[in-house]
Amino acid sequence: MVAAACGPPPRCPVCRARARRVHSCYERCLAERPLSGQKLLVRLRVRRFFCDRSGCQRRTFVEQVSGLSERYRRSSLGLRTWLRQVAVELGGRAGERLCRHMHLTAGRTQLLELLDPPPVPERAPRVLGVDEFAFRRGRTYGTILVDVEAGRVVDVLPDRTSETFAAWLREHPGAEIICRDRASAYTRAIKEAAPHAVEVADRWHLLQNLAAAVEKTCHQHRACLRKRVDEVTSRTRDPAADAAPSPRTTADADHRPDPAPPR
């Protein structure tokens, strides 16, 4: 699709003065939402204007079409809204697969870059959940902070050290209950920065630790458990099955005496 901007002269983005003179024209290529299952590319011709105000740092600037274009973007605002919603609902890899079926060109990194960070409150929630997560498993880890009562993410820390978490607790007081795993780094940070907060272990880690302890105990006593299973199995065996005669085998049939010939 070919289009040209023909609106009134825009204002300078720095000093907000109305432009009067055109510097030049050039063509921009904007990716737009697909039409009838086909990719759509908008070739938009825009104008570059002079800023005649002497005190302004900008000498020239390019006009933007409201609802369509934006500075330094190669996609339309409508397409950007679509991609941001896909990233919010599905994330990176799943969103990339959906975009492929929708005839949208977007990688997982591009989708994740469209996400806006959540606003961080000035005070910590009353019940704060803290746990680690992997930016890259086995190499780089961070810390996620969650409002347990509201069920939403509060903040994300760049690492999982006690110093970083303690600094966050000092800047955001108000946590009365902190739900954490058994990592010693978080314990030191809580005792240092929020000593009056009550520490509790979250349910997921309790169940995980219980399952690991039961599995370890069963592995250590597997010989005793196998012996006990054999004893119970022998006691519950059907005595009628033991007393029943064994079925005649093929070997027995081969050694059966021949019947007497008729007289």
Protein backbone atom coordinates (compact mmCIF):
# COMPACT_ATOMS: atom_id res chain seq x y z
CA MET A 1 0.00 0.00 0.00
CA VAL A 2 1.31 3.43 -0.97
CA ALA A 3 0.30 6.52 1.04
CA ALA A 4 1.47 10.08 1.59
CA ALA A 5 1.18 12.36 4.63
CA CYS A 6 -0.68 15.52 3.69
CA GLY A 7 -1.78 16.97 7.02
CA PRO A 8 -1.07 20.46 8.36
CA PRO A 9 2.53 21.31 9.32
CA PRO A 10 3.38 19.65 12.65
CA ARG A 11 4.98 21.10 15.75
CA CYS A 12 8.59 20.64 16.72
CA PRO A 13 8.87 17.78 19.27
CA VAL A 14 11.32 19.83 21.37
CA CYS A 15 10.11 23.44 21.45
CA ARG A 16 6.53 22.79 20.22
CA ALA A 17 6.79 25.60 17.63
CA ARG A 18 4.71 25.23 14.45
CA ALA A 19 6.82 24.38 11.40
CA ARG A 20 6.62 26.56 8.29
CA ARG A 21 9.19 25.28 5.82
CA VAL A 22 9.66 21.83 4.27
CA HIS A 23 13.20 20.50 4.24
CA SER A 24 12.73 17.36 2.11
CA CYS A 25 10.59 14.27 1.60
CA TYR A 26 11.37 10.56 1.86
CA GLU A 27 9.60 7.22 2.00
CA ARG A 28 9.16 5.00 5.08
CA CYS A 29 8.20 1.32 5.05
CA LEU A 30 5.85 0.31 7.85
CA ALA A 31 4.71 -3.25 8.56
CA GLU A 32 0.95 -3.29 9.11
CA ARG A 33 -1.55 -5.87 10.33
CA PRO A 34 -2.24 -8.58 7.71
CA LEU A 35 -5.13 -8.18 5.31
CA SER A 36 -7.09 -11.30 4.22
CA GLY A 37 -4.27 -13.53 5.43
CA GLN A 38 -1.62 -11.63 3.45
CA LYS A 39 1.21 -9.52 4.81
CA LEU A 40 0.67 -5.80 4.39
CA LEU A 41 3.44 -3.22 3.95
CA VAL A 42 2.69 0.51 3.94
CA ARG A 43 5.01 2.71 1.90
CA LEU A 44 4.43 6.06 3.56
CA ARG A 45 5.82 9.27 2.07
CA VAL A 46 6.52 11.83 4.81
CA ARG A 47 7.99 15.31 4.97
CA ARG A 48 10.94 16.63 6.95
CA PHE A 49 10.47 20.18 8.27
CA PHE A 50 12.73 22.97 9.50
CA CYS A 51 12.45 24.33 13.01
CA ASP A 52 12.90 28.09 12.61
CA ARG A 53 13.15 28.90 16.33
CA SER A 54 16.72 30.02 16.99
CA GLY A 55 16.89 28.73 20.54
CA CYS A 56 15.79 25.19 19.68
CA GLN A 57 18.35 22.42 19.49
CA ARG A 58 16.47 20.60 16.72
CA ARG A 59 17.10 21.90 13.24
CA THR A 60 14.88 19.47 11.34
CA PHE A 61 12.26 16.89 12.29
CA VAL A 62 9.95 14.44 10.50
CA GLU A 63 6.19 14.50 10.70
CA GLN A 64 4.30 11.55 12.21
CA VAL A 65 0.89 10.31 11.12
CA SER A 66 -1.43 10.03 14.11
CA GLY A 67 -2.46 6.44 14.80
CA LEU A 68 -0.07 5.02 12.20
CA SER A 69 3.59 5.95 12.61
CA GLU A 70 6.02 6.60 15.43
CA ARG A 71 9.64 7.71 15.60
CA TYR A 72 12.26 5.02 14.89
CA ARG A 73 9.57 2.36 14.32
CA ARG A 74 9.26 0.10 11.29
CA SER A 75 5.79 -1.11 12.24
CA SER A 76 2.48 0.66 12.62
CA LEU A 77 0.95 1.47 15.99
CA GLY A 78 -1.88 -1.00 15.33
CA LEU A 79 0.54 -3.85 14.68
CA ARG A 80 2.56 -2.91 17.75
CA THR A 81 -0.61 -3.12 19.86
CA TRP A 82 -1.33 -6.60 18.51
CA LEU A 83 2.17 -7.83 19.25
CA ARG A 84 2.17 -6.37 22.75
CA GLN A 85 -1.09 -8.16 23.56
CA VAL A 86 0.33 -11.44 22.24
CA ALA A 87 3.42 -10.97 24.42
CA VAL A 88 1.31 -10.26 27.51
CA GLU A 89 -0.88 -13.33 27.06
CA LEU A 90 1.62 -15.91 25.76
CA GLY A 91 5.16 -14.66 26.30
CA GLY A 92 8.08 -15.20 23.95
CA ARG A 93 8.23 -18.67 22.37
CA ALA A 94 4.49 -19.39 22.36
CA GLY A 95 3.80 -15.88 21.07
CA GLU A 96 6.31 -16.36 18.26
CA ARG A 97 4.53 -19.55 17.15
CA LEU A 98 1.16 -17.79 17.17
CA CYS A 99 2.54 -14.86 15.16
CA ARG A 100 3.81 -17.30 12.56
CA HIS A 101 0.28 -18.64 12.06
CA MET A 102 -1.11 -15.08 11.93
CA HIS A 103 1.40 -14.07 9.22
CA LEU A 104 3.15 -11.66 11.59
CA THR A 105 6.92 -11.28 11.58
CA ALA A 106 7.99 -11.18 15.23
CA GLY A 107 10.62 -13.10 17.17
CA ARG A 108 10.45 -13.98 20.84
CA THR A 109 13.03 -11.33 21.76
CA GLN A 110 11.05 -8.65 19.95
CA LEU A 111 7.86 -9.68 21.75
CA LEU A 112 9.49 -9.58 25.17
CA GLU A 113 10.90 -6.12 24.47
CA LEU A 114 7.34 -4.83 24.02
CA LEU A 115 6.42 -5.65 27.62
CA ASP A 116 6.33 -2.75 30.04
CA PRO A 117 7.74 -3.28 33.56
CA PRO A 118 5.07 -3.25 36.28
CA PRO A 119 4.92 -0.18 38.53
CA VAL A 120 6.78 -0.76 41.78
CA PRO A 121 4.85 0.44 44.87
CA GLU A 122 6.55 2.65 47.43
CA ARG A 123 5.79 0.20 50.23
CA ALA A 124 6.11 -3.56 50.22
CA PRO A 125 2.88 -5.60 50.41
CA ARG A 126 1.81 -7.01 53.76
CA VAL A 127 2.49 -10.60 52.64
CA LEU A 128 5.57 -10.67 50.42
CA GLY A 129 6.65 -13.76 48.50
CA VAL A 130 10.27 -14.10 47.37
CA ASP A 131 11.85 -16.77 45.19
CA GLU A 132 14.61 -17.17 42.63
CA PHE A 133 14.21 -17.73 38.90
CA ALA A 134 16.57 -18.32 36.00
CA PHE A 135 17.31 -15.76 33.33
CA ARG A 136 19.49 -18.51 31.85
CA ARG A 137 19.34 -21.84 33.64
CA GLY A 138 22.61 -22.85 35.21
CA ARG A 139 24.24 -19.43 34.66
CA THR A 140 22.24 -16.32 35.54
CA TYR A 141 19.59 -16.11 38.24
CA GLY A 142 17.38 -13.35 39.58
CA THR A 143 14.81 -12.78 42.32
CA ILE A 144 11.08 -12.33 41.84
CA LEU A 145 8.94 -10.57 44.46
CA VAL A 146 5.21 -11.29 44.58
CA ASP A 147 2.24 -9.86 46.46
CA VAL A 148 0.83 -13.13 47.82
CA GLU A 149 -2.58 -11.73 48.73
CA ALA A 150 -3.14 -9.96 45.39
CA GLY A 151 -1.42 -12.65 43.30
CA ARG A 152 0.68 -10.26 41.19
CA VAL A 153 4.35 -9.55 40.62
CA VAL A 154 5.73 -6.61 42.58
CA ASP A 155 9.30 -6.36 41.32
CA VAL A 156 12.14 -8.34 39.74
CA LEU A 157 15.70 -8.09 41.08
CA PRO A 158 18.74 -8.65 38.83
CA ASP A 159 20.37 -11.29 41.08
CA ARG A 160 19.68 -13.49 44.10
CA THR A 161 22.17 -12.07 46.60
CA SER A 162 21.26 -11.05 50.13
CA GLU A 163 22.64 -7.52 49.63
CA THR A 164 20.28 -6.74 46.75
CA PHE A 165 17.22 -8.11 48.54
CA ALA A 166 18.13 -6.31 51.79
CA ALA A 167 18.49 -3.00 49.93
CA TRP A 168 15.03 -3.50 48.38
CA LEU A 169 13.47 -4.18 51.79
CA ARG A 170 15.00 -0.97 53.19
CA GLU A 171 13.65 1.09 50.29
CA HIS A 172 10.19 -0.55 50.50
CA PRO A 173 9.21 -1.10 54.14
CA GLY A 174 5.90 -2.54 55.27
CA ALA A 175 6.27 -6.32 54.85
CA GLU A 176 4.78 -8.13 57.84
CA ILE A 177 4.98 -11.71 56.53
CA ILE A 178 7.65 -12.90 54.10
CA CYS A 179 7.06 -16.21 52.36
CA ARG A 180 10.34 -17.68 51.09
CA ASP A 181 12.20 -20.86 50.27
CA ARG A 182 15.02 -22.25 52.40
CA ALA A 183 17.82 -20.25 50.76
CA SER A 184 20.18 -18.77 53.34
CA ALA A 185 20.72 -15.57 51.33
CA TYR A 186 17.09 -14.49 51.73
CA THR A 187 17.17 -15.34 55.45
CA ARG A 188 20.17 -13.07 56.03
CA ALA A 189 18.53 -10.24 54.11
CA ILE A 190 15.30 -10.51 56.10
CA LYS A 191 17.08 -10.56 59.48
CA GLU A 192 19.17 -7.58 58.43
CA ALA A 193 16.58 -5.33 56.76
CA ALA A 194 13.21 -6.53 58.15
CA PRO A 195 13.86 -8.21 61.51
CA HIS A 196 10.25 -7.81 62.70
CA ALA A 197 8.75 -9.64 59.71
CA VAL A 198 7.49 -13.18 60.22
CA GLU A 199 9.23 -15.74 57.99
CA VAL A 200 7.21 -18.66 56.64
CA ALA A 201 8.10 -21.40 54.18
CA ASP A 202 5.92 -21.58 51.09
CA ARG A 203 3.81 -24.67 50.43
CA TRP A 204 5.51 -25.66 47.18
CA HIS A 205 8.96 -25.93 48.75
CA LEU A 206 7.55 -27.79 51.78
CA LEU A 207 5.97 -30.41 49.52
CA GLN A 208 9.12 -30.63 47.41
CA ASN A 209 11.33 -31.14 50.46
CA LEU A 210 8.92 -33.73 51.88
CA ALA A 211 8.87 -35.67 48.61
CA ALA A 212 12.68 -35.61 48.42
CA ALA A 213 13.00 -36.84 52.02
CA VAL A 214 10.54 -39.70 51.46
CA GLU A 215 12.29 -40.74 48.24
CA LYS A 216 15.70 -40.69 49.97
CA THR A 217 14.42 -42.78 52.90
CA CYS A 218 12.83 -45.36 50.61
CA HIS A 219 16.04 -45.59 48.59
CA GLN A 220 18.13 -46.20 51.72
CA HIS A 221 15.80 -48.98 52.99
CA ARG A 222 14.91 -50.54 49.65
CA ALA A 223 16.23 -53.98 50.76
CA CYS A 224 13.99 -54.03 53.84
CA LEU A 225 11.01 -52.83 51.85
CA ARG A 226 11.52 -55.49 49.18
CA LYS A 227 11.75 -58.22 51.86
CA ARG A 228 8.58 -56.98 53.51
CA VAL A 229 6.74 -56.94 50.18
CA ASP A 230 7.78 -60.54 49.52
CA GLU A 231 6.49 -61.62 52.96
CA VAL A 232 3.13 -59.97 52.47
CA THR A 233 2.82 -61.41 48.98
CA SER A 234 3.51 -64.95 50.22
CA ARG A 235 0.91 -64.67 52.99
CA THR A 236 -1.83 -63.41 50.73
CA ARG A 237 -1.29 -66.06 48.03
CA ASP A 238 -4.40 -68.15 47.28
CA PRO A 239 -4.04 -71.60 48.96
CA ALA A 240 -6.49 -73.13 46.46
CA ALA A 241 -4.14 -72.18 43.66
CA ASP A 242 -1.28 -73.99 45.41
CA ALA A 243 -3.37 -77.16 45.93
CA ALA A 244 -4.67 -77.31 42.38
CA PRO A 245 -2.91 -79.82 40.11
CA SER A 246 -0.56 -78.36 37.60
CA PRO A 247 -1.81 -78.40 34.01
CA ARG A 248 -0.52 -81.19 31.76
CA THR A 249 2.40 -80.03 29.73
CA THR A 250 3.45 -80.96 26.23
CA ALA A 251 6.22 -83.17 27.57
CA ASP A 252 3.72 -85.16 29.64
CA ALA A 253 1.55 -85.62 26.57
CA ASP A 254 4.52 -86.95 24.62
CA HIS A 255 5.22 -89.65 27.26
CA ARG A 256 1.57 -90.76 27.53
CA PRO A 257 1.23 -94.54 26.82
CA ASP A 258 -0.43 -95.48 23.55
CA PRO A 259 -3.99 -96.80 23.84
CA ALA A 260 -4.51 -100.55 23.43
CA PRO A 261 -5.56 -101.66 19.92
CA PRO A 262 -9.17 -102.73 19.53
CA ARG A 263 -9.97 -106.48 19.61
